[in-house]
Amino acid sequence: MALVPIIAAAPADPKVRERWLDRLWAAHQADEIPYIETLADHWGELCASEEVASHWADELVGITRMALSPDPKLHGHFHGTSACLSALYAAERYEEIVHILRADAIWPYKRWAVRARVATGKQAEAIRYAESCRSPWASDHEIDAMCEEILLSSGLVEEAYERYGLRAKRGGSYLATFRAVAKKYPQKRPRELLADLACTTPGDEAKWFAAAKEVGLYDEAVALASSGPCDPKTLTRAARDFADKHPAFSIDVGLLALHWLTEGYGYEVTSADVWSAYTHTMKAASNQGCPDETLARLREIVVGEGAGGFVKTVLGGELGL
């Protein structure tokens, strides 16, 4: 849909634009796969004027009303429903959108009723309506994001953060999520933000270890990795990367890597993984000037593994066990 704003902004007289829209509409109707299904969500924008949008809304609204009718004899799918709602919105016919969507409809349609309420200054009503749309077939993420934007646009930043901010921004990783929320709420201190995000994943707080490490919250990172199972290879990489520049942190995470290895965690673990964790931990201990103390802590971890343990088998000779 990257071309939508280009087409919408392109200079064209009404007859030329009408021909463009007719060709796009024909392509949309023939799109069975579908490749350009979401084009209908931008139909009002493509119309480029209230007058053209209103014309298209008039053309589509009759069938849309029937498709969304509670009467089972009329109710059904109409591929132009999204285009109709988008055109009505661009034509500022907000009350019609709200009226049409009083019938039962799916969330991709109902979100237009949320936007229509916002456009008429009914932000609180819009949020209540959006919340009422939650169901197994509606995207909680989309609803959270929409409600968050309503509150932010109203200047209610703290309420937006507390109610939706921690859920609305989800990146491809925990670190990406942390960065996305931090960017939207720069007034939040990293330590406070990290603690709040960790609370959103009860039982999986350790997954936020990388986020804590990347923003320099080393004590918090160690606490998170200690709170529950954490990938030993992730911890070992951290021990390697910080052995010189932050050896105390490297020692703690290296020992935690070995701890979780003794607990049986890790994917396709080999003796090389054990030796890697041990080597980086002891390098950091040498840099910190506490090799004997670190070895004593390590022996306690390995001794607790029990007879025949994998880590004990690998490091037993090295540790005098």
Protein backbone atom coordinates (compact mmCIF):
# COMPACT_ATOMS: atom_id res chain seq x y z
CA MET A 1 0.00 0.00 0.00
CA ALA A 2 3.04 2.26 -0.31
CA LEU A 3 1.62 3.78 -3.49
CA VAL A 4 -1.62 4.96 -1.85
CA PRO A 5 -0.33 8.38 -0.70
CA ILE A 6 1.37 8.89 -4.08
CA ILE A 7 -1.85 8.20 -6.00
CA ALA A 8 -3.88 10.28 -3.56
CA ALA A 9 -1.57 13.29 -3.91
CA ALA A 10 -1.07 13.03 -7.68
CA PRO A 11 -2.55 16.03 -9.55
CA ALA A 12 -5.47 14.95 -11.74
CA ASP A 13 -8.75 16.43 -12.87
CA PRO A 14 -11.94 14.70 -11.63
CA LYS A 15 -12.50 12.70 -14.83
CA VAL A 16 -8.95 11.32 -14.84
CA ARG A 17 -9.14 10.39 -11.16
CA GLU A 18 -12.50 8.71 -11.73
CA ARG A 19 -10.91 6.55 -14.43
CA TRP A 20 -8.08 5.68 -12.04
CA LEU A 21 -10.55 4.69 -9.36
CA ASP A 22 -12.59 2.61 -11.80
CA ARG A 23 -9.48 0.69 -12.84
CA LEU A 24 -8.42 0.17 -9.22
CA TRP A 25 -11.92 -0.98 -8.33
CA ALA A 26 -11.95 -3.49 -11.17
CA ALA A 27 -8.57 -4.82 -9.99
CA HIS A 28 -9.86 -5.04 -6.43
CA GLN A 29 -12.94 -6.98 -7.54
CA ALA A 30 -10.80 -9.43 -9.51
CA ASP A 31 -8.29 -9.88 -6.67
CA GLU A 32 -9.11 -13.43 -5.55
CA ILE A 33 -5.78 -14.36 -3.89
CA PRO A 34 -5.88 -11.56 -2.50
CA TYR A 35 -2.91 -9.33 -3.19
CA ILE A 36 -4.52 -5.89 -2.82
CA GLU A 37 -7.37 -6.62 -0.41
CA THR A 38 -6.27 -3.88 1.99
CA LEU A 39 -6.55 -1.30 -0.79
CA ALA A 40 -10.21 -0.86 0.23
CA ASP A 41 -9.13 0.43 3.66
CA HIS A 42 -7.60 3.45 1.89
CA TRP A 43 -10.39 4.12 -0.59
CA GLY A 44 -11.39 7.42 0.96
CA GLU A 45 -7.80 8.62 0.77
CA LEU A 46 -7.58 7.57 -2.89
CA CYS A 47 -10.67 9.63 -3.66
CA ALA A 48 -8.60 12.72 -2.76
CA SER A 49 -11.66 14.90 -2.05
CA GLU A 50 -14.80 14.85 0.06
CA GLU A 51 -16.96 15.16 -3.03
CA VAL A 52 -15.52 12.11 -4.79
CA ALA A 53 -15.48 10.12 -1.54
CA SER A 54 -19.13 10.96 -0.95
CA HIS A 55 -20.00 9.82 -4.48
CA TRP A 56 -18.33 6.46 -3.93
CA ALA A 57 -19.99 6.13 -0.51
CA ASP A 58 -23.39 6.65 -2.16
CA GLU A 59 -22.58 3.94 -4.69
CA LEU A 60 -21.58 1.40 -2.04
CA VAL A 61 -23.59 2.18 1.06
CA GLY A 62 -26.78 0.38 0.03
CA ILE A 63 -25.12 -3.01 -0.44
CA THR A 64 -22.98 -2.40 2.66
CA ARG A 65 -26.09 -1.88 4.79
CA MET A 66 -27.58 -5.12 3.49
CA ALA A 67 -24.32 -7.03 4.05
CA LEU A 68 -24.18 -5.86 7.68
CA SER A 69 -27.91 -6.26 8.28
CA PRO A 70 -28.99 -8.45 11.22
CA ASP A 71 -31.50 -10.06 8.87
CA PRO A 72 -29.94 -13.43 7.91
CA LYS A 73 -31.63 -13.22 4.51
CA LEU A 74 -29.67 -10.05 3.72
CA HIS A 75 -26.52 -10.47 5.81
CA GLY A 76 -23.40 -11.59 3.97
CA HIS A 77 -19.97 -10.69 2.68
CA PHE A 78 -19.51 -7.66 0.45
CA HIS A 79 -15.97 -7.02 -0.76
CA GLY A 80 -16.70 -3.30 -0.88
CA THR A 81 -17.64 -2.84 2.79
CA SER A 82 -14.21 -1.52 3.84
CA ALA A 83 -14.13 0.81 0.83
CA CYS A 84 -17.58 2.14 1.70
CA LEU A 85 -16.63 2.83 5.32
CA SER A 86 -13.37 4.46 4.24
CA ALA A 87 -15.22 6.67 1.74
CA LEU A 88 -17.83 7.65 4.34
CA TYR A 89 -15.03 8.61 6.71
CA ALA A 90 -13.24 10.71 4.08
CA ALA A 91 -16.55 12.39 3.28
CA GLU A 92 -16.95 13.18 7.01
CA ARG A 93 -20.23 11.27 7.16
CA TYR A 94 -19.37 10.00 10.62
CA GLU A 95 -22.86 9.44 12.00
CA GLU A 96 -23.68 7.15 9.09
CA ILE A 97 -20.67 5.00 9.94
CA VAL A 98 -21.79 4.72 13.56
CA HIS A 99 -25.35 3.89 12.53
CA ILE A 100 -24.33 1.23 10.00
CA LEU A 101 -22.04 -0.47 12.50
CA ARG A 102 -24.64 -0.77 15.23
CA ALA A 103 -25.24 -4.21 13.74
CA ASP A 104 -22.89 -7.06 14.54
CA ALA A 105 -19.69 -6.75 12.51
CA ILE A 106 -16.08 -7.82 12.58
CA TRP A 107 -13.37 -5.66 14.15
CA PRO A 108 -11.83 -4.46 10.83
CA TYR A 109 -15.19 -2.76 10.19
CA LYS A 110 -15.87 -1.66 13.76
CA ARG A 111 -12.61 0.25 13.97
CA TRP A 112 -14.16 2.75 11.55
CA ALA A 113 -16.85 3.43 14.14
CA VAL A 114 -14.08 4.09 16.68
CA ARG A 115 -12.44 6.58 14.32
CA ALA A 116 -15.79 8.21 13.56
CA ARG A 117 -16.44 8.81 17.26
CA VAL A 118 -12.99 10.32 17.69
CA ALA A 119 -13.57 12.60 14.69
CA THR A 120 -16.70 13.97 16.36
CA GLY A 121 -14.88 14.65 19.63
CA LYS A 122 -16.24 11.62 21.50
CA GLN A 123 -12.91 10.18 22.64
CA ALA A 124 -14.17 8.56 25.85
CA GLU A 125 -17.08 6.96 23.99
CA ALA A 126 -14.67 5.76 21.30
CA ILE A 127 -12.50 3.99 23.87
CA ARG A 128 -15.51 2.36 25.53
CA TYR A 129 -16.75 1.18 22.16
CA ALA A 130 -13.33 -0.19 21.20
CA GLU A 131 -13.10 -2.06 24.51
CA SER A 132 -16.54 -3.57 23.86
CA CYS A 133 -15.23 -4.99 20.58
CA ARG A 134 -12.78 -7.37 22.27
CA SER A 135 -13.37 -10.98 21.30
CA PRO A 136 -11.41 -14.06 20.22
CA TRP A 137 -11.78 -12.77 16.64
CA ALA A 138 -10.56 -9.22 17.30
CA SER A 139 -6.93 -8.19 17.60
CA ASP A 140 -6.22 -7.08 21.17
CA HIS A 141 -3.01 -5.51 19.92
CA GLU A 142 -4.87 -3.34 17.40
CA ILE A 143 -7.48 -2.31 19.96
CA ASP A 144 -4.78 -1.43 22.49
CA ALA A 145 -2.86 0.59 19.90
CA MET A 146 -5.96 2.50 18.80
CA CYS A 147 -7.03 3.32 22.35
CA GLU A 148 -3.48 4.36 23.21
CA GLU A 149 -3.39 6.81 20.29
CA ILE A 150 -6.74 8.30 21.33
CA LEU A 151 -5.43 9.01 24.83
CA LEU A 152 -2.09 10.34 23.57
CA SER A 153 -3.82 12.69 21.12
CA SER A 154 -5.89 13.95 24.05
CA GLY A 155 -2.75 14.71 26.06
CA LEU A 156 -3.41 11.91 28.57
CA VAL A 157 0.08 10.46 28.35
CA GLU A 158 0.26 8.80 31.76
CA GLU A 159 -3.14 7.16 31.34
CA ALA A 160 -2.15 5.97 27.87
CA TYR A 161 1.01 4.40 29.31
CA GLU A 162 -0.70 2.72 32.24
CA ARG A 163 -3.68 1.37 30.32
CA TYR A 164 -2.22 0.48 26.94
CA GLY A 165 1.38 1.57 26.47
CA LEU A 166 2.98 -1.62 27.74
CA ARG A 167 0.79 -3.83 25.54
CA ALA A 168 0.30 -1.77 22.39
CA LYS A 169 3.94 -1.75 21.28
CA ARG A 170 5.24 -5.25 20.58
CA GLY A 171 8.39 -5.66 18.53
CA GLY A 172 9.92 -8.78 17.07
CA SER A 173 11.90 -9.33 20.28
CA TYR A 174 11.78 -8.25 23.91
CA LEU A 175 14.56 -5.76 23.23
CA ALA A 176 12.66 -4.35 20.24
CA THR A 177 9.56 -3.99 22.42
CA PHE A 178 11.53 -2.16 25.09
CA ARG A 179 12.96 0.25 22.52
CA ALA A 180 9.55 0.88 20.93
CA VAL A 181 7.90 1.72 24.25
CA ALA A 182 10.89 3.80 25.36
CA LYS A 183 10.70 5.81 22.14
CA LYS A 184 7.00 6.54 22.62
CA TYR A 185 7.38 7.39 26.32
CA PRO A 186 10.78 9.10 26.65
CA GLN A 187 9.78 10.53 30.03
CA LYS A 188 9.95 7.04 31.55
CA ARG A 189 13.26 6.11 33.14
CA PRO A 190 14.74 2.89 31.69
CA ARG A 191 14.75 1.16 35.08
CA GLU A 192 11.08 1.92 35.68
CA LEU A 193 10.11 0.94 32.16
CA LEU A 194 11.99 -2.35 32.37
CA ALA A 195 10.31 -3.26 35.65
CA ASP A 196 6.88 -2.46 34.23
CA LEU A 197 7.49 -4.51 31.09
CA ALA A 198 8.76 -7.48 33.08
CA CYS A 199 5.51 -7.48 35.03
CA THR A 200 3.60 -8.02 31.79
CA THR A 201 5.17 -11.49 31.39
CA PRO A 202 4.72 -13.21 34.77
CA GLY A 203 6.83 -16.35 34.92
CA ASP A 204 8.93 -15.22 31.94
CA GLU A 205 10.64 -12.17 33.41
CA ALA A 206 14.03 -13.60 32.39
CA LYS A 207 13.14 -12.97 28.75
CA TRP A 208 13.86 -9.27 29.38
CA PHE A 209 17.52 -10.00 30.20
CA ALA A 210 18.82 -8.82 26.80
CA ALA A 211 16.86 -5.57 27.03
CA ALA A 212 18.29 -4.84 30.48
CA LYS A 213 21.81 -5.64 29.32
CA GLU A 214 21.60 -3.48 26.20
CA VAL A 215 20.54 -0.36 28.13
CA GLY A 216 23.20 -0.83 30.80
CA LEU A 217 20.97 -2.03 33.63
CA TYR A 218 23.41 -4.75 34.65
CA ASP A 219 22.15 -5.42 38.17
CA GLU A 220 18.60 -5.70 36.85
CA ALA A 221 19.79 -8.00 34.06
CA VAL A 222 21.38 -10.36 36.58
CA ALA A 223 18.26 -10.29 38.73
CA LEU A 224 16.06 -11.11 35.73
CA ALA A 225 18.30 -13.98 34.61
CA SER A 226 18.20 -15.32 38.17
CA SER A 227 14.41 -15.13 38.43
CA GLY A 228 13.68 -18.00 36.08
CA PRO A 229 15.10 -20.14 33.29
CA CYS A 230 17.27 -18.10 30.93
CA ASP A 231 18.94 -19.40 27.79
CA PRO A 232 22.50 -20.43 28.78
CA LYS A 233 23.89 -19.53 25.36
CA THR A 234 22.53 -16.00 25.64
CA LEU A 235 24.17 -15.66 29.04
CA THR A 236 27.44 -17.10 27.78
CA ARG A 237 27.56 -14.58 24.94
CA ALA A 238 27.03 -11.80 27.46
CA ALA A 239 29.86 -13.21 29.61
CA ARG A 240 32.12 -13.21 26.54
CA ASP A 241 31.19 -9.68 25.44
CA PHE A 242 31.65 -8.11 28.88
CA ALA A 243 34.66 -10.04 30.18
CA ASP A 244 36.95 -7.07 29.57
CA LYS A 245 34.71 -3.99 29.86
CA HIS A 246 32.50 -5.13 32.77
CA PRO A 247 34.07 -8.24 34.34
CA ALA A 248 31.89 -8.27 37.46
CA PHE A 249 28.77 -8.51 35.31
CA SER A 250 30.47 -11.09 33.08
CA ILE A 251 31.22 -13.29 36.09
CA ASP A 252 27.63 -13.17 37.34
CA VAL A 253 26.07 -14.04 33.98
CA GLY A 254 28.69 -16.68 33.23
CA LEU A 255 27.93 -18.41 36.51
CA LEU A 256 24.22 -18.14 35.76
CA ALA A 257 24.83 -19.77 32.38
CA LEU A 258 26.46 -22.70 34.14
CA HIS A 259 23.71 -22.76 36.76
CA TRP A 260 20.97 -23.11 34.14
CA LEU A 261 23.04 -25.73 32.32
CA THR A 262 23.14 -27.79 35.51
CA GLU A 263 19.36 -27.41 35.70
CA GLY A 264 19.03 -28.96 32.24
CA TYR A 265 18.15 -25.84 30.25
CA GLY A 266 19.48 -25.00 26.83
CA TYR A 267 18.90 -26.20 23.29
CA GLU A 268 21.20 -28.83 21.78
CA VAL A 269 23.80 -28.31 24.49
CA THR A 270 27.24 -29.82 24.00
CA SER A 271 30.40 -29.93 26.10
CA ALA A 272 31.66 -26.98 24.03
CA ASP A 273 28.87 -24.84 25.50
CA VAL A 274 29.95 -25.76 29.02
CA TRP A 275 33.61 -25.03 28.31
CA SER A 276 32.69 -21.73 26.65
CA ALA A 277 30.73 -20.55 29.69
CA TYR A 278 33.54 -21.67 32.00
CA THR A 279 36.32 -20.04 29.93
CA HIS A 280 34.65 -16.65 29.61
CA THR A 281 33.69 -16.62 33.28
CA MET A 282 37.23 -17.36 34.41
CA LYS A 283 38.67 -14.77 32.01
CA ALA A 284 36.39 -12.17 33.60
CA ALA A 285 37.40 -13.41 37.06
CA SER A 286 41.06 -12.93 36.18
CA ASN A 287 40.31 -9.40 34.94
CA GLN A 288 38.41 -8.68 38.15
CA GLY A 289 41.15 -10.17 40.31
CA CYS A 290 38.97 -12.80 41.97
CA PRO A 291 39.65 -16.19 40.30
CA ASP A 292 39.69 -18.17 43.57
CA GLU A 293 36.40 -16.71 44.77
CA THR A 294 34.80 -17.35 41.37
CA LEU A 295 36.02 -20.97 41.34
CA ALA A 296 34.51 -21.49 44.79
CA ARG A 297 31.15 -20.13 43.57
CA LEU A 298 31.38 -22.33 40.49
CA ARG A 299 32.12 -25.47 42.54
CA GLU A 300 29.00 -24.84 44.62
CA ILE A 301 26.93 -24.68 41.45
CA VAL A 302 28.40 -27.84 39.93
CA VAL A 303 28.36 -29.84 43.19
CA GLY A 304 24.65 -29.15 43.46
CA GLU A 305 24.03 -30.80 40.10
CA GLY A 306 24.18 -34.28 41.56
CA ALA A 307 26.05 -37.39 40.51
CA GLY A 308 26.36 -38.02 36.80
CA GLY A 309 25.38 -34.48 35.83
CA PHE A 310 26.44 -33.25 32.40
CA VAL A 311 28.25 -30.13 33.60
CA LYS A 312 29.94 -32.05 36.41
CA THR A 313 31.12 -34.64 33.89
CA VAL A 314 32.62 -31.94 31.67
CA LEU A 315 34.20 -29.74 34.36
CA GLY A 316 34.72 -32.20 37.20
CA GLY A 317 38.41 -32.72 36.53
CA GLU A 318 39.04 -29.01 36.04
CA LEU A 319 37.33 -28.21 39.35
CA GLY A 320 38.89 -31.09 41.30
CA LEU A 321 35.56 -32.86 41.75
